[in-house]
Protein backbone atom coordinates (compact mmCIF):
# COMPACT_ATOMS: atom_id res chain seq x y z
CA MET A 1 -2.31 18.46 -10.82
CA ALA A 2 -5.94 18.92 -9.81
CA PRO A 3 -7.42 16.11 -7.66
CA GLN A 4 -10.12 15.19 -10.16
CA ARG A 5 -7.60 14.92 -12.92
CA THR A 6 -5.33 12.81 -10.75
CA LEU A 7 -8.19 10.45 -9.88
CA ARG A 8 -9.27 10.18 -13.49
CA TYR A 9 -5.67 9.40 -14.49
CA TYR A 10 -5.42 6.52 -11.98
CA TYR A 11 -8.87 5.31 -12.87
CA LEU A 12 -7.93 5.14 -16.55
CA ARG A 13 -4.67 3.29 -15.65
CA VAL A 14 -6.56 0.74 -13.65
CA ILE A 15 -9.25 -0.01 -16.28
CA ARG A 16 -6.61 -0.36 -19.01
CA LEU A 17 -4.74 -3.06 -17.03
CA ARG A 18 -4.68 -6.38 -18.75
CA GLY A 19 -4.58 -9.84 -17.22
CA GLU A 20 -6.67 -12.32 -15.39
CA PRO A 21 -8.95 -10.87 -12.75
CA SER A 22 -7.29 -13.01 -10.05
CA GLU A 23 -3.80 -11.87 -11.09
CA LEU A 24 -4.83 -8.24 -11.11
CA ALA A 25 -6.65 -8.61 -7.71
CA ARG A 26 -3.56 -10.32 -6.10
CA GLY A 27 -1.57 -7.33 -7.17
CA VAL A 28 -4.15 -4.89 -5.72
CA GLY A 29 -4.41 -6.83 -2.48
CA ILE A 30 -0.66 -6.92 -2.02
CA GLY A 31 -0.25 -3.29 -3.02
CA MET A 32 -2.85 -2.14 -0.56
CA PHE A 33 -1.48 -4.37 2.23
CA ILE A 34 2.18 -3.15 1.74
CA GLY A 35 0.99 0.45 1.18
CA ILE A 36 -0.70 0.57 4.58
CA THR A 37 2.33 -0.91 6.39
CA PRO A 38 4.83 1.64 7.77
CA THR A 39 7.60 0.35 5.49
CA ILE A 40 7.89 3.35 3.18
CA PRO A 41 11.49 3.07 2.11
CA LEU A 42 10.75 -0.57 1.09
CA HIS A 43 7.27 -0.31 -0.53
CA THR A 44 8.28 -0.82 -4.09
CA VAL A 45 10.72 -3.54 -3.43
CA LEU A 46 8.27 -5.42 -1.19
CA ILE A 47 5.39 -5.10 -3.68
CA LEU A 48 7.50 -6.32 -6.49
CA LEU A 49 8.75 -9.22 -4.51
CA PHE A 50 5.45 -10.38 -3.25
CA THR A 51 3.74 -9.97 -6.58
CA ILE A 52 6.42 -12.00 -8.25
CA ILE A 53 6.09 -14.71 -5.68
CA SER A 54 2.26 -14.77 -5.79
CA ARG A 55 2.12 -14.22 -9.56
CA GLY A 56 0.16 -11.07 -9.08
CA SER A 57 0.22 -7.99 -11.25
CA LYS A 58 3.11 -5.73 -10.45
CA ILE A 59 1.55 -2.65 -12.04
CA ALA A 60 -1.77 -3.22 -10.14
CA GLY A 61 0.13 -3.60 -6.88
CA LEU A 62 2.08 -0.29 -7.48
CA LEU A 63 -0.95 1.60 -8.42
CA ALA A 64 -2.94 0.31 -5.40
CA SER A 65 0.00 1.26 -3.19
CA VAL A 66 -0.05 4.89 -4.41
CA VAL A 67 -3.82 5.07 -3.60
CA VAL A 68 -3.31 4.01 0.04
CA SER A 69 0.17 5.50 0.58
CA ASN A 70 0.55 9.10 -0.44
CA PRO A 71 1.37 12.38 1.35
CA LEU A 72 -2.25 12.70 2.48
CA THR A 73 -2.58 9.22 3.92
CA ILE A 74 0.88 8.52 5.39
CA PRO A 75 0.62 10.58 8.49
CA PRO A 76 -2.77 9.07 9.67
CA THR A 77 -1.50 5.60 8.66
CA TYR A 78 1.73 5.87 10.73
CA TYR A 79 -0.28 7.31 13.69
CA LEU A 80 -2.79 4.47 13.58
CA SER A 81 -0.03 1.85 13.14
CA TRP A 82 1.75 3.40 16.22
CA ARG A 83 -1.41 3.39 18.32
CA VAL A 84 -2.53 -0.10 17.34
CA GLY A 85 0.99 -1.40 17.95
CA GLU A 86 1.21 0.15 21.29
CA GLY A 87 -2.06 -1.35 22.22
CA LEU A 88 -0.86 -4.82 21.06
CA THR A 89 2.60 -4.73 22.55
CA GLY A 90 1.90 -2.66 25.73
CA THR A 91 4.96 -0.50 24.97
CA ALA A 92 5.05 3.29 25.13
CA ILE A 93 6.88 4.98 22.32
CA SER A 94 7.25 8.74 21.97
CA TRP A 95 5.13 10.13 19.12
CA ALA A 96 7.75 12.81 18.69
CA ASN A 97 10.33 10.17 17.63
CA VAL A 98 7.85 8.58 15.22
CA LYS A 99 6.90 11.87 13.84
CA SER A 100 10.46 13.00 13.24
CA VAL A 101 11.21 9.79 11.30
CA MET A 102 8.05 10.15 9.43
CA GLU A 103 9.04 13.73 8.37
CA LEU A 104 12.38 12.43 7.07
CA VAL A 105 10.70 9.50 5.23
CA LEU A 106 8.35 12.03 3.49
CA SER A 107 11.31 14.38 2.63
CA ASP A 108 13.58 14.27 -0.38
CA ALA A 109 16.14 12.30 1.50
CA GLY A 110 17.75 9.36 -0.20
CA PHE A 111 16.84 5.69 0.35
CA MET A 112 19.78 4.96 2.75
CA GLU A 113 18.98 8.09 4.78
CA ARG A 114 15.30 7.07 5.13
CA LEU A 115 16.21 3.56 6.02
CA ALA A 116 18.74 4.69 8.60
CA ALA A 117 16.05 7.00 10.14
CA VAL A 118 13.65 4.14 10.51
CA MET A 119 16.26 1.93 12.02
CA HIS A 120 17.23 4.72 14.43
CA LEU A 121 13.81 4.30 16.03
CA GLY A 122 14.99 1.18 17.73
CA ARG A 123 13.92 -2.38 17.83
CA GLU A 124 11.04 -1.88 20.15
CA ALA A 125 9.57 0.96 18.21
CA LEU A 126 9.99 -0.90 14.89
CA VAL A 127 8.28 -3.98 16.19
CA THR A 128 5.46 -1.82 17.64
CA LEU A 129 5.01 0.07 14.27
CA LEU A 130 5.28 -2.98 12.19
CA LEU A 131 2.98 -5.08 14.20
CA GLY A 132 0.37 -2.26 14.35
CA GLY A 133 0.81 -1.66 10.59
CA PHE A 134 0.39 -5.33 9.84
CA VAL A 135 -2.87 -5.53 11.87
CA LEU A 136 -4.11 -2.34 10.24
CA ALA A 137 -3.10 -3.41 6.72
CA LEU A 138 -4.70 -6.92 6.83
CA PRO A 139 -8.29 -5.94 6.35
CA PHE A 140 -7.33 -3.42 3.59
CA GLY A 141 -5.37 -6.03 1.73
CA VAL A 142 -8.13 -8.65 1.97
CA ALA A 143 -10.86 -6.14 1.00
CA GLY A 144 -8.67 -4.82 -1.79
CA TYR A 145 -8.38 -8.37 -3.18
CA PHE A 146 -12.03 -9.21 -3.15
CA LEU A 147 -13.37 -5.87 -4.30
CA SER A 148 -10.85 -5.64 -7.12
CA TYR A 149 -11.48 -9.19 -8.20
CA ARG A 150 -15.15 -8.40 -8.59
CA PHE A 151 -14.31 -5.13 -10.38
CA PHE A 152 -11.87 -6.77 -12.89
CA ALA A 153 -14.11 -9.77 -13.40
CA ASN A 154 -16.99 -7.43 -14.32
CA LEU A 155 -14.66 -5.40 -16.53
CA GLU A 156 -13.50 -8.55 -18.32
CA SER A 157 -17.18 -9.66 -18.90
CA LYS A 158 -17.99 -6.27 -20.41
CA ARG A 159 -14.94 -6.47 -22.68
CA ARG A 160 -15.93 -9.98 -23.83
CA LEU A 161 -19.48 -8.85 -24.49
CA LYS A 162 -18.33 -5.82 -26.39
CA HIS A 163 -15.93 -8.10 -28.53
CA ILE A 164 -18.80 -10.48 -29.27
CA LEU A 165 -21.11 -7.74 -30.37
CA ARG A 166 -18.61 -6.32 -32.88
């Protein structure tokens, strides 16, 4: 699918979402936060769990996750998570190990194979990647919430005005 067509498809999906702006924005914030973290085999489960707990939009969360976690963004995201995590923990982890796991995660391997590959990295590497990913994801999640709240509030105002003018 052409990039413009894909972008238009996701844009239309987003503007057709229904719900309170705060509910939709919580979903977007959670989706962006989880999408940035290096937890790929668990993204969907985590997004659904946290949107249910926070009463956020599940669909908005899943759509936001796709925007920030796709084959183009995953390699730089994992790399930055690894570097930030190393800086925070002071540990030195081989990029070759992280890269081999990332390749398996991006492959057509099943869920259990992906999870096993991530666990194979070892506790120290997982802590480093997760901590780095958390620090990297926090500003994206917060910005995603506030920007999408504003977007959905404006969209709702336009819908109400259009309904009144009918």
